[in-house]
Protein backbone atom coordinates (compact mmCIF):
# COMPACT_ATOMS: atom_id res chain seq x y z
CA MET A 1 -0.12 0.11 0.11
CA HIS A 2 0.89 3.46 -0.77
CA THR A 3 -0.34 6.53 0.39
CA VAL A 4 0.35 10.39 0.45
CA GLU A 5 -1.47 12.48 3.14
CA LEU A 6 -1.02 16.13 2.86
CA ARG A 7 -1.27 17.54 6.32
CA ASP A 8 -1.08 21.35 7.61
CA ASP A 9 2.37 21.17 8.34
CA ALA A 10 3.83 18.32 6.56
CA VAL A 11 3.31 15.45 3.90
CA VAL A 12 3.24 11.92 5.11
CA VAL A 13 4.06 9.22 2.77
CA THR A 14 3.34 5.70 3.58
CA ASP A 15 4.59 2.70 1.65
CA THR A 16 4.40 -0.72 3.30
CA ASN A 17 6.78 -2.12 0.93
CA SER A 18 9.71 0.25 2.08
CA LEU A 19 11.71 0.77 5.06
CA PRO A 20 11.09 3.09 6.82
CA SER A 21 7.29 2.56 5.96
CA VAL A 22 6.32 6.10 7.03
CA ARG A 23 8.12 9.13 5.92
CA THR A 24 7.23 12.78 7.00
CA LEU A 25 8.58 15.20 4.13
CA THR A 26 8.48 18.96 4.34
CA PHE A 27 6.30 20.82 1.80
CA ALA A 28 9.56 21.66 0.06
CA GLU A 29 10.78 18.17 0.05
CA ALA A 30 7.50 16.93 -1.49
CA TRP A 31 7.56 19.80 -4.14
CA ALA A 32 11.06 19.28 -5.18
CA GLY A 33 11.78 17.50 -8.27
CA SER A 34 7.98 17.29 -9.40
CA GLY A 35 7.32 15.07 -6.30
CA ARG A 36 10.09 12.75 -6.97
CA MET A 37 10.42 12.09 -3.23
CA LEU A 38 6.95 10.92 -3.09
CA PHE A 39 7.53 7.80 -5.50
CA VAL A 40 3.99 7.90 -6.94
CA ARG A 41 3.99 5.94 -10.07
CA GLU A 42 0.15 6.72 -11.23
CA PRO A 43 0.55 9.96 -13.27
CA ASP A 44 -3.10 11.08 -12.76
CA ARG A 45 -2.32 10.64 -8.87
CA LEU A 46 0.80 12.80 -8.84
CA VAL A 47 -0.73 15.43 -10.80
CA GLY A 48 -3.53 15.63 -8.32
CA ILE A 49 -0.81 15.96 -5.36
CA LEU A 50 1.19 18.59 -7.26
CA ARG A 51 -1.74 20.56 -7.80
CA ALA A 52 -2.69 20.66 -3.98
CA LEU A 53 0.91 21.67 -3.58
CA ALA A 54 1.48 24.53 -6.03
CA PRO A 55 -0.67 27.20 -4.00
CA ARG A 56 2.32 26.97 -1.25
CA PHE A 57 5.02 27.85 -3.68
CA ASP A 58 5.90 30.98 -6.07
CA ASP A 59 8.42 29.53 -8.77
CA ALA A 60 8.17 28.73 -12.36
CA ARG A 61 6.72 25.21 -11.60
CA ALA A 62 3.97 26.34 -9.38
CA ARG A 63 2.89 29.17 -11.98
CA VAL A 64 2.51 26.07 -14.69
CA TRP A 65 0.14 24.46 -12.40
CA ARG A 66 -1.53 27.93 -11.77
CA ASP A 67 -2.02 28.88 -15.27
CA LEU A 68 -2.44 25.64 -16.94
CA ARG A 69 -5.76 25.56 -19.06
CA ALA A 70 -8.09 22.67 -18.44
CA ASP A 71 -9.32 22.57 -22.08
CA LEU A 72 -5.99 21.79 -23.62
CA SER A 73 -6.46 19.55 -26.59
CA PRO A 74 -4.05 16.51 -26.81
CA ARG A 75 -0.94 17.09 -29.26
CA ARG A 76 1.81 14.80 -30.29
CA MET A 77 5.11 16.62 -31.20
CA MET A 78 7.83 14.92 -32.96
CA TRP A 79 11.68 15.22 -33.77
CA THR A 80 14.64 13.48 -34.95
CA TRP A 81 17.74 13.40 -32.41
CA ASP A 82 20.84 13.56 -34.75
CA ARG A 83 23.26 11.98 -32.38
CA GLY A 84 26.13 12.48 -34.69
CA GLY A 85 29.56 10.41 -34.93
CA GLY A 86 28.11 8.15 -37.61
CA ARG A 87 25.31 6.89 -34.96
CA GLU A 88 21.81 5.93 -36.04
CA PRO A 89 19.31 8.99 -35.38
CA ILE A 90 16.60 8.44 -32.81
CA GLU A 91 12.95 9.13 -33.58
CA CYS A 92 11.59 10.98 -30.58
CA TRP A 93 8.04 12.38 -29.76
CA LEU A 94 6.00 13.68 -26.92
CA GLU A 95 2.25 13.02 -26.30
CA LEU A 96 0.69 15.92 -24.63
CA ASP A 97 -2.15 14.87 -22.80
CA GLY A 98 -3.59 17.02 -20.26
CA ALA A 99 -1.12 17.69 -17.46
CA ILE A 100 1.04 14.71 -18.66
CA ALA A 101 3.56 14.38 -21.62
CA ARG A 102 4.14 10.70 -22.49
CA ARG A 103 7.23 9.49 -24.60
CA PRO A 104 8.51 6.18 -25.88
CA GLU A 105 9.35 3.51 -23.55
CA ARG A 106 12.90 2.34 -24.55
CA SER A 107 13.68 0.06 -21.70
CA SER A 108 11.66 -2.35 -19.45
CA GLY A 109 10.34 -0.60 -16.48
CA GLU A 110 11.26 2.91 -17.50
CA VAL A 111 8.90 5.60 -16.61
CA ALA A 112 7.93 6.96 -19.88
CA TRP A 113 5.99 10.09 -18.85
CA GLN A 114 6.55 13.60 -17.48
CA THR A 115 4.21 15.86 -15.37
CA ILE A 116 3.66 18.85 -17.33
CA ASP A 117 5.59 21.08 -14.90
CA ASP A 118 8.48 19.05 -15.22
CA LEU A 119 8.72 19.17 -19.04
CA TYR A 120 7.82 22.81 -19.52
CA VAL A 121 10.63 24.11 -16.94
CA HIS A 122 13.28 21.70 -17.17
CA GLY A 123 12.52 20.31 -20.80
CA PRO A 124 12.07 16.82 -22.16
CA THR A 125 14.13 13.78 -21.21
CA GLN A 126 14.73 12.86 -24.41
CA PRO A 127 17.49 15.07 -25.93
CA GLY A 128 17.67 17.09 -29.19
CA ILE A 129 14.47 19.00 -29.16
CA PRO A 130 14.78 21.60 -32.08
CA ARG A 131 13.81 25.26 -31.79
CA ASP A 132 10.58 24.98 -33.88
CA VAL A 133 9.30 22.09 -31.71
CA ARG A 134 10.00 23.93 -28.42
CA ALA A 135 8.32 26.79 -29.77
CA ALA A 136 5.24 25.06 -30.77
CA LEU A 137 5.07 23.60 -27.33
CA ILE A 138 5.29 26.98 -25.61
CA GLU A 139 2.27 28.19 -27.91
CA HIS A 140 0.18 25.22 -27.67
CA LEU A 141 0.30 25.31 -23.66
CA GLY A 142 -0.11 29.18 -23.84
CA LEU A 143 2.00 29.67 -20.72
CA ASP A 144 4.65 32.22 -20.00
CA PRO A 145 7.70 31.82 -22.02
CA ARG A 146 10.29 33.15 -19.47
CA ASP A 147 9.21 30.04 -17.35
CA ALA A 148 10.07 27.56 -20.08
CA PHE A 149 13.30 25.59 -20.44
CA PRO A 150 16.01 27.64 -22.43
CA ALA A 151 16.50 26.99 -26.31
CA ILE A 152 19.99 25.98 -26.86
CA ALA A 153 22.11 25.83 -29.93
CA HIS A 154 22.70 21.97 -29.78
CA ALA A 155 25.15 22.26 -32.71
CA ALA A 156 27.46 24.66 -31.19
CA ILE A 157 28.17 22.51 -28.29
CA PRO A 158 31.86 21.18 -28.68
CA ALA A 159 32.69 17.61 -28.14
CA ARG A 160 34.49 17.43 -24.94
CA SER A 161 35.17 14.67 -22.09
CA TRP A 162 36.40 14.68 -18.47
CA SER A 163 37.77 11.79 -16.25
CA TRP A 164 38.20 11.87 -12.33
CA ASP A 165 38.88 9.09 -9.85
CA VAL A 166 40.99 7.25 -12.55
CA ARG A 167 42.33 3.89 -11.20
CA ASP A 168 44.01 0.75 -13.06
CA ASP A 169 40.58 -1.11 -13.14
CA GLY A 170 38.54 1.98 -14.64
CA GLU A 171 37.61 5.78 -14.25
CA SER A 172 34.58 7.95 -13.74
CA GLY A 173 33.70 10.62 -16.27
CA ALA A 174 31.49 13.02 -18.37
CA SER A 175 31.21 14.11 -21.83
CA ILE A 176 29.33 16.50 -23.96
CA GLY A 177 28.77 17.15 -27.67
CA GLY A 178 25.42 18.02 -29.11
CA ALA A 179 22.42 17.66 -27.63
CA ALA A 180 23.42 15.28 -24.60
CA VAL A 181 25.42 14.81 -21.54
CA VAL A 182 26.72 11.61 -20.38
CA ALA A 183 27.95 10.90 -17.02
CA GLY A 184 29.04 7.96 -15.17
CA TYR A 185 31.49 5.09 -14.11
CA GLN A 186 33.14 1.89 -15.19
CA TYR A 187 35.57 0.00 -12.89
CA ARG A 188 36.03 -3.50 -14.48
CA GLN A 189 32.57 -5.12 -14.85
CA ASP A 190 30.86 -2.57 -12.37
CA MET A 191 29.51 0.44 -14.58
CA GLY A 192 26.74 2.85 -14.56
CA TRP A 193 26.15 5.49 -17.35
CA SER A 194 23.36 7.79 -17.59
CA GLU A 195 22.41 10.08 -20.66
CA TYR A 196 20.80 13.50 -20.15
CA ALA A 197 19.17 16.16 -22.13
CA VAL A 198 21.39 19.34 -22.01
CA GLU A 199 18.45 21.32 -21.32
CA ARG A 200 17.69 19.27 -18.11
CA VAL A 201 21.32 19.97 -17.10
CA VAL A 202 21.20 23.57 -17.75
CA THR A 203 18.03 23.77 -15.42
CA ARG A 204 19.31 21.46 -12.89
CA ALA A 205 16.45 19.03 -13.11
CA ALA A 206 16.11 16.34 -9.97
CA ASP A 207 16.89 13.55 -12.28
CA VAL A 208 20.42 14.76 -13.26
CA TYR A 209 23.30 13.15 -11.32
CA LEU A 210 26.74 14.27 -12.56
CA TRP A 211 28.79 13.36 -9.51
CA ALA A 212 31.61 15.18 -11.04
CA PRO A 213 34.19 17.40 -9.02
CA SER A 214 33.22 21.02 -8.78
CA GLU A 215 35.84 22.19 -11.42
CA VAL A 216 34.45 19.70 -13.85
CA GLU A 217 31.09 20.42 -13.41
CA GLY A 218 31.97 24.20 -13.68
CA GLU A 219 33.59 23.69 -16.98
CA LEU A 220 30.78 21.43 -18.20
CA ARG A 221 28.15 24.11 -17.22
CA ALA A 222 30.12 27.03 -18.63
CA THR A 223 30.50 25.22 -22.02
CA LEU A 224 26.46 24.60 -21.86
CA ALA A 225 25.93 28.24 -20.72
CA ALA A 226 27.79 29.65 -23.85
CA ALA A 227 25.64 27.56 -26.04
CA VAL A 228 22.30 28.98 -24.34
CA ALA A 229 23.76 32.49 -24.83
CA LEU A 230 24.47 32.09 -28.53
CA GLU A 231 20.73 30.80 -29.00
CA GLU A 232 19.53 33.97 -27.05
CA ARG A 233 21.52 36.09 -29.56
CA ARG A 234 19.92 34.63 -32.64
């Protein structure tokens, strides 16, 4: 059983399959990352919780919930992510359905949806969204463009890579180039790599974990900031 109770001073999450089975969160903890710490897997249920929490905050995500129209028609948006380097391009799409944006499920057990506040403020989890698709998304939702994730000149992002914690059996590292950031580690057979859309790295989305030393993360973010500035000048 999994329940979420909004009390006057806190949010209580009960999950009989977890230890501890009862967790008490502040409103800020419950709100962070579009309810990431609530571990709610049903999209409509999470939307209801976020709508109830939103009036307590005054940030970009709260404004999305405040201003989102109830009469939005469903819409599919598509683009091709050209990964470069001779790799096959990937066909991406978003299915906008009320306050939920669905996307292709590319691996078993993957959460193939986002709440609309996460999408609008931090961008799609699929990399490579072009300028025209971003503009169409903003127009369709009719929300404040200043709260939308930034447009980024993907082609202007140079290929760069960093390594740290280098040992005889492997290393940790990160790389950029084009529309994605890859970060992770490999030590012998133990490995874990994640790929993030650059928009979500720039906006510090809650699902982005770089685990990089401060100087590496600073260089990486400065490179992405230059691509954002370039797009703004166009």
